[in-house]
PDB file of N, CA and C in Angstrom:
ATOM      1  N   MET A   1     -50.471 154.200  92.862  1.00  0.00           N
ATOM      2  CA  MET A   1     -51.789 153.422  92.506  1.00  0.00           C
ATOM      3  C   MET A   1     -51.075 152.529  91.346  1.00  0.00           C
ATOM      4  N   ARG A   2     -51.646 151.344  91.300  1.00  0.00           N
ATOM      5  CA  ARG A   2     -51.186 150.479  90.166  1.00  0.00           C
ATOM      6  C   ARG A   2     -52.286 150.454  89.223  1.00  0.00           C
ATOM      7  N   THR A   3     -52.034 150.277  88.072  1.00  0.00           N
ATOM      8  CA  THR A   3     -52.950 150.052  86.966  1.00  0.00           C
ATOM      9  C   THR A   3     -53.358 148.722  87.019  1.00  0.00           C
ATOM     10  N   ILE A   4     -54.539 148.402  86.206  1.00  0.00           N
ATOM     11  CA  ILE A   4     -54.779 147.210  85.898  1.00  0.00           C
ATOM     12  C   ILE A   4     -53.925 146.170  85.213  1.00  0.00           C
ATOM     13  N   ASN A   5     -53.099 146.988  84.013  1.00  0.00           N
ATOM     14  CA  ASN A   5     -52.255 146.152  83.740  1.00  0.00           C
ATOM     15  C   ASN A   5     -51.149 145.857  84.542  1.00  0.00           C
ATOM     16  N   GLU A   6     -50.595 146.576  85.529  1.00  0.00           N
ATOM     17  CA  GLU A   6     -49.672 146.113  86.317  1.00  0.00           C
ATOM     18  C   GLU A   6     -50.194 145.258  87.407  1.00  0.00           C
ATOM     19  N   GLN A   7     -51.292 145.272  87.546  1.00  0.00           N
ATOM     20  CA  GLN A   7     -51.746 144.089  88.590  1.00  0.00           C
ATOM     21  C   GLN A   7     -52.337 142.558  87.676  1.00  0.00           C
ATOM     22  N   ASN A   8     -52.475 142.762  86.636  1.00  0.00           N
ATOM     23  CA  ASN A   8     -53.116 141.699  85.903  1.00  0.00           C
ATOM     24  C   ASN A   8     -52.186 141.640  84.348  1.00  0.00           C
ATOM     25  N   GLU A   9     -51.297 140.470  84.124  1.00  0.00           N
ATOM     26  CA  GLU A   9     -51.082 140.199  82.919  1.00  0.00           C
ATOM     27  C   GLU A   9     -51.974 139.840  81.850  1.00  0.00           C
ATOM     28  N   PHE A  10     -53.087 139.470  82.254  1.00  0.00           N
ATOM     29  CA  PHE A  10     -54.160 139.123  81.159  1.00  0.00           C
ATOM     30  C   PHE A  10     -54.561 140.373  79.843  1.00  0.00           C
ATOM     31  N   ASP A  11     -54.528 139.978  78.634  1.00  0.00           N
ATOM     32  CA  ASP A  11     -54.581 140.822  77.720  1.00  0.00           C
ATOM     33  C   ASP A  11     -55.516 140.225  76.776  1.00  0.00           C
ATOM     34  N   CYS A  12     -56.912 141.071  77.235  1.00  0.00           N
ATOM     35  CA  CYS A  12     -58.047 140.654  76.325  1.00  0.00           C
ATOM     36  C   CYS A  12     -58.026 140.899  74.998  1.00  0.00           C
ATOM     37  N   LEU A  13     -57.407 141.858  74.573  1.00  0.00           N
ATOM     38  CA  LEU A  13     -57.545 142.253  73.264  1.00  0.00           C
ATOM     39  C   LEU A  13     -56.538 141.093  72.346  1.00  0.00           C
ATOM     40  N   GLU A  14     -55.214 140.541  73.129  1.00  0.00           N
ATOM     41  CA  GLU A  14     -54.476 139.662  72.342  1.00  0.00           C
ATOM     42  C   GLU A  14     -55.145 138.385  72.451  1.00  0.00           C
ATOM     43  N   MET A  15     -55.886 137.909  73.645  1.00  0.00           N
ATOM     44  CA  MET A  15     -56.585 136.850  73.554  1.00  0.00           C
ATOM     45  C   MET A  15     -57.527 136.832  72.205  1.00  0.00           C
ATOM     46  N   LYS A  16     -58.383 137.679  72.093  1.00  0.00           N
ATOM     47  CA  LYS A  16     -59.441 137.896  71.079  1.00  0.00           C
ATOM     48  C   LYS A  16     -59.028 137.691  69.803  1.00  0.00           C
ATOM     49  N   ARG A  17     -57.567 138.379  69.633  1.00  0.00           N
ATOM     50  CA  ARG A  17     -56.830 138.298  68.112  1.00  0.00           C
ATOM     51  C   ARG A  17     -56.365 137.117  67.828  1.00  0.00           C
ATOM     52  N   GLU A  18     -55.899 136.249  68.876  1.00  0.00           N
ATOM     53  CA  GLU A  18     -55.337 135.039  68.848  1.00  0.00           C
ATOM     54  C   GLU A  18     -56.361 133.819  68.468  1.00  0.00           C
ATOM     55  N   ILE A  19     -57.814 134.217  68.949  1.00  0.00           N
ATOM     56  CA  ILE A  19     -58.809 133.225  68.954  1.00  0.00           C
ATOM     57  C   ILE A  19     -59.254 133.232  67.473  1.00  0.00           C
ATOM     58  N   GLN A  20     -59.487 134.553  67.205  1.00  0.00           N
ATOM     59  CA  GLN A  20     -59.961 135.040  65.903  1.00  0.00           C
ATOM     60  C   GLN A  20     -58.831 134.594  64.782  1.00  0.00           C
ATOM     61  N   ALA A  21     -57.880 134.628  64.735  1.00  0.00           N
ATOM     62  CA  ALA A  21     -56.833 134.177  63.500  1.00  0.00           C
ATOM     63  C   ALA A  21     -57.128 132.608  63.834  1.00  0.00           C
ATOM     64  N   LYS A  22     -56.835 131.861  64.756  1.00  0.00           N
ATOM     65  CA  LYS A  22     -57.229 130.503  64.907  1.00  0.00           C
ATOM     66  C   LYS A  22     -58.302 129.960  63.885  1.00  0.00           C
ATOM     67  N   ILE A  23     -59.377 130.727  64.397  1.00  0.00           N
ATOM     68  CA  ILE A  23     -60.802 130.225  63.741  1.00  0.00           C
ATOM     69  C   ILE A  23     -60.698 130.709  62.339  1.00  0.00           C
ATOM     70  N   TYR A  24     -60.085 131.888  61.839  1.00  0.00           N
ATOM     71  CA  TYR A  24     -59.996 132.279  60.646  1.00  0.00           C
ATOM     72  C   TYR A  24     -59.124 131.180  59.651  1.00  0.00           C
ATOM     73  N   ALA A  25     -57.736 130.740  60.503  1.00  0.00           N
ATOM     74  CA  ALA A  25     -57.179 129.674  59.592  1.00  0.00           C
ATOM     75  C   ALA A  25     -57.884 128.293  59.224  1.00  0.00           C
ATOM     76  N   GLU A  26     -58.918 127.947  60.421  1.00  0.00           N
ATOM     77  CA  GLU A  26     -59.626 126.808  60.095  1.00  0.00           C
ATOM     78  C   GLU A  26     -60.869 127.129  59.334  1.00  0.00           C
ATOM     79  N   ILE A  27     -61.245 128.173  59.053  1.00  0.00           N
ATOM     80  CA  ILE A  27     -62.446 128.173  58.413  1.00  0.00           C
ATOM     81  C   ILE A  27     -62.138 128.965  56.907  1.00  0.00           C
ATOM     82  N   LYS A  28     -61.103 129.375  56.739  1.00  0.00           N
ATOM     83  CA  LYS A  28     -60.684 130.269  55.473  1.00  0.00           C
ATOM     84  C   LYS A  28     -61.267 129.542  54.164  1.00  0.00           C
ATOM     85  N   ASP A  29     -61.176 128.216  54.178  1.00  0.00           N
ATOM     86  CA  ASP A  29     -61.344 127.330  52.867  1.00  0.00           C
ATOM     87  C   ASP A  29     -62.780 126.723  52.974  1.00  0.00           C
ATOM     88  N   MET A  30     -63.508 126.731  53.843  1.00  0.00           N
ATOM     89  CA  MET A  30     -64.882 126.259  53.675  1.00  0.00           C
ATOM     90  C   MET A  30     -65.897 126.788  53.108  1.00  0.00           C
ATOM     91  N   THR A  31     -66.893 126.197  52.456  1.00  0.00           N
ATOM     92  CA  THR A  31     -67.883 126.763  52.146  1.00  0.00           C
ATOM     93  C   THR A  31     -68.520 127.155  52.930  1.00  0.00           C
ATOM     94  N   ALA A  32     -69.858 128.127  52.681  1.00  0.00           N
ATOM     95  CA  ALA A  32     -70.506 128.586  53.352  1.00  0.00           C
ATOM     96  C   ALA A  32     -71.145 127.604  54.446  1.00  0.00           C
ATOM     97  N   GLU A  33     -71.965 126.410  53.879  1.00  0.00           N
ATOM     98  CA  GLU A  33     -72.492 125.429  54.518  1.00  0.00           C
ATOM     99  C   GLU A  33     -71.382 124.980  55.677  1.00  0.00           C
ATOM    100  N   GLU A  34     -70.248 124.466  55.093  1.00  0.00           N
ATOM    101  CA  GLU A  34     -69.362 124.084  56.196  1.00  0.00           C
ATOM    102  C   GLU A  34     -68.874 125.125  57.353  1.00  0.00           C
ATOM    103  N   ARG A  35     -69.196 126.085  57.118  1.00  0.00           N
ATOM    104  CA  ARG A  35     -68.793 127.224  58.183  1.00  0.00           C
ATOM    105  C   ARG A  35     -69.927 127.459  59.387  1.00  0.00           C
ATOM    106  N   ILE A  36     -71.431 127.173  58.631  1.00  0.00           N
ATOM    107  CA  ILE A  36     -72.544 127.164  59.562  1.00  0.00           C
ATOM    108  C   ILE A  36     -72.220 125.859  60.550  1.00  0.00           C
ATOM    109  N   LEU A  37     -72.163 124.614  59.902  1.00  0.00           N
ATOM    110  CA  LEU A  37     -71.632 123.500  60.566  1.00  0.00           C
ATOM    111  C   LEU A  37     -70.681 123.713  61.763  1.00  0.00           C
ATOM    112  N   TYR A  38     -69.526 124.427  61.300  1.00  0.00           N
ATOM    113  CA  TYR A  38     -68.358 124.911  62.110  1.00  0.00           C
ATOM    114  C   TYR A  38     -68.648 125.603  63.192  1.00  0.00           C
ATOM    115  N   PHE A  39     -69.784 126.349  63.028  1.00  0.00           N
ATOM    116  CA  PHE A  39     -70.044 126.971  64.427  1.00  0.00           C
ATOM    117  C   PHE A  39     -71.168 126.710  65.486  1.00  0.00           C
ATOM    118  N   ARG A  40     -71.436 125.722  65.025  1.00  0.00           N
ATOM    119  CA  ARG A  40     -72.577 124.720  65.951  1.00  0.00           C
ATOM    120  C   ARG A  40     -71.830 123.621  66.695  1.00  0.00           C
ATOM    121  N   ILE A  41     -70.500 123.667  66.826  1.00  0.00           N
ATOM    122  CA  ILE A  41     -70.020 122.879  67.635  1.00  0.00           C
ATOM    123  C   ILE A  41     -70.293 122.728  69.064  1.00  0.00           C
ATOM    124  N   PRO A  42     -70.086 121.877  69.801  1.00  0.00           N
ATOM    125  CA  PRO A  42     -70.597 121.642  71.240  1.00  0.00           C
ATOM    126  C   PRO A  42     -69.569 122.530  72.144  1.00  0.00           C
ATOM    127  N   SER A  43     -70.062 123.094  73.089  1.00  0.00           N
ATOM    128  CA  SER A  43     -69.401 123.747  73.849  1.00  0.00           C
ATOM    129  C   SER A  43     -68.130 123.577  74.442  1.00  0.00           C
ATOM    130  N   GLU A  44     -67.895 121.955  74.663  1.00  0.00           N
ATOM    131  CA  GLU A  44     -66.685 121.755  74.981  1.00  0.00           C
ATOM    132  C   GLU A  44     -65.663 121.647  74.396  1.00  0.00           C
ATOM    133  N   LYS A  45     -65.820 121.906  73.004  1.00  0.00           N
ATOM    134  CA  LYS A  45     -64.986 121.819  71.734  1.00  0.00           C
ATOM    135  C   LYS A  45     -64.649 123.518  71.421  1.00  0.00           C
ATOM    136  N   ASP A  46     -65.430 124.229  71.845  1.00  0.00           N
ATOM    137  CA  ASP A  46     -65.606 125.800  71.438  1.00  0.00           C
ATOM    138  C   ASP A  46     -64.058 126.270  71.690  1.00  0.00           C
ATOM    139  N   PRO A  47     -63.260 126.966  70.952  1.00  0.00           N
ATOM    140  CA  PRO A  47     -61.802 127.273  71.091  1.00  0.00           C
ATOM    141  C   PRO A  47     -61.840 128.436  72.203  1.00  0.00           C
ATOM    142  N   PHE A  48     -62.807 129.314  72.154  1.00  0.00           N
ATOM    143  CA  PHE A  48     -62.837 130.298  73.061  1.00  0.00           C
ATOM    144  C   PHE A  48     -63.032 129.857  74.741  1.00  0.00           C
ATOM    145  N   ARG A  49     -63.757 128.733  74.697  1.00  0.00           N
ATOM    146  CA  ARG A  49     -63.815 128.277  76.045  1.00  0.00           C
ATOM    147  C   ARG A  49     -63.041 127.435  76.485  1.00  0.00           C
ATOM    148  N   GLN A  50     -62.146 126.845  75.235  1.00  0.00           N
ATOM    149  CA  GLN A  50     -60.830 125.817  75.807  1.00  0.00           C
ATOM    150  C   GLN A  50     -59.724 127.104  75.803  1.00  0.00           C
ATOM    151  N   HIS A  51     -59.709 128.027  75.217  1.00  0.00           N
ATOM    152  CA  HIS A  51     -58.347 128.963  75.544  1.00  0.00           C
ATOM    153  C   HIS A  51     -58.766 129.737  76.859  1.00  0.00           C
ATOM    154  N   ASN A  52     -59.914 130.167  77.085  1.00  0.00           N
ATOM    155  CA  ASN A  52     -60.547 130.975  78.408  1.00  0.00           C
ATOM    156  C   ASN A  52     -60.300 129.833  79.565  1.00  0.00           C
ATOM    157  N   LYS A  53     -60.240 128.641  79.526  1.00  0.00           N
ATOM    158  CA  LYS A  53     -60.037 127.888  80.802  1.00  0.00           C
ATOM    159  C   LYS A  53     -58.395 127.797  81.038  1.00  0.00           C
ATOM    160  N   LYS A  54     -57.622 128.063  79.983  1.00  0.00           N
ATOM    161  CA  LYS A  54     -56.225 127.820  80.305  1.00  0.00           C
ATOM    162  C   LYS A  54     -55.837 129.344  80.639  1.00  0.00           C
ATOM    163  N   LYS A  55     -56.370 130.694  80.331  1.00  0.00           N
ATOM    164  CA  LYS A  55     -55.949 131.724  80.635  1.00  0.00           C
ATOM    165  C   LYS A  55     -56.487 132.214  81.942  1.00  0.00           C
ATOM    166  N   CYS A  56     -57.867 132.069  82.142  1.00  0.00           N
ATOM    167  CA  CYS A  56     -58.435 132.534  83.470  1.00  0.00           C
ATOM    168  C   CYS A  56     -58.460 131.887  84.591  1.00  0.00           C
ATOM    169  N   VAL A  57     -57.641 131.693  85.345  1.00  0.00           N
ATOM    170  CA  VAL A  57     -57.531 130.930  86.489  1.00  0.00           C
ATOM    171  C   VAL A  57     -57.585 132.316  87.858  1.00  0.00           C
ATOM    172  N   MET A  58     -58.670 131.532  88.651  1.00  0.00           N
ATOM    173  CA  MET A  58     -58.939 132.622  89.473  1.00  0.00           C
ATOM    174  C   MET A  58     -57.947 132.604  90.558  1.00  0.00           C
ATOM    175  N   ALA A  59     -57.370 133.487  91.220  1.00  0.00           N
ATOM    176  CA  ALA A  59     -56.377 133.722  91.995  1.00  0.00           C
ATOM    177  C   ALA A  59     -56.841 134.109  93.757  1.00  0.00           C
TER     178      ALA A  59
END
């Protein structure tokens, strides 16, 4: 029997860490007000959704 990792190369934790690192790099020098505005971005510019579109392809 094959494990999930053998069937699928997708690593959810790796993706989560990559996205968190990118967001941290973008917001680390922002004020609290700037961070609030940053997280009010439209969904089409959302880093998670953009990254998710690249990684999650239905086979």
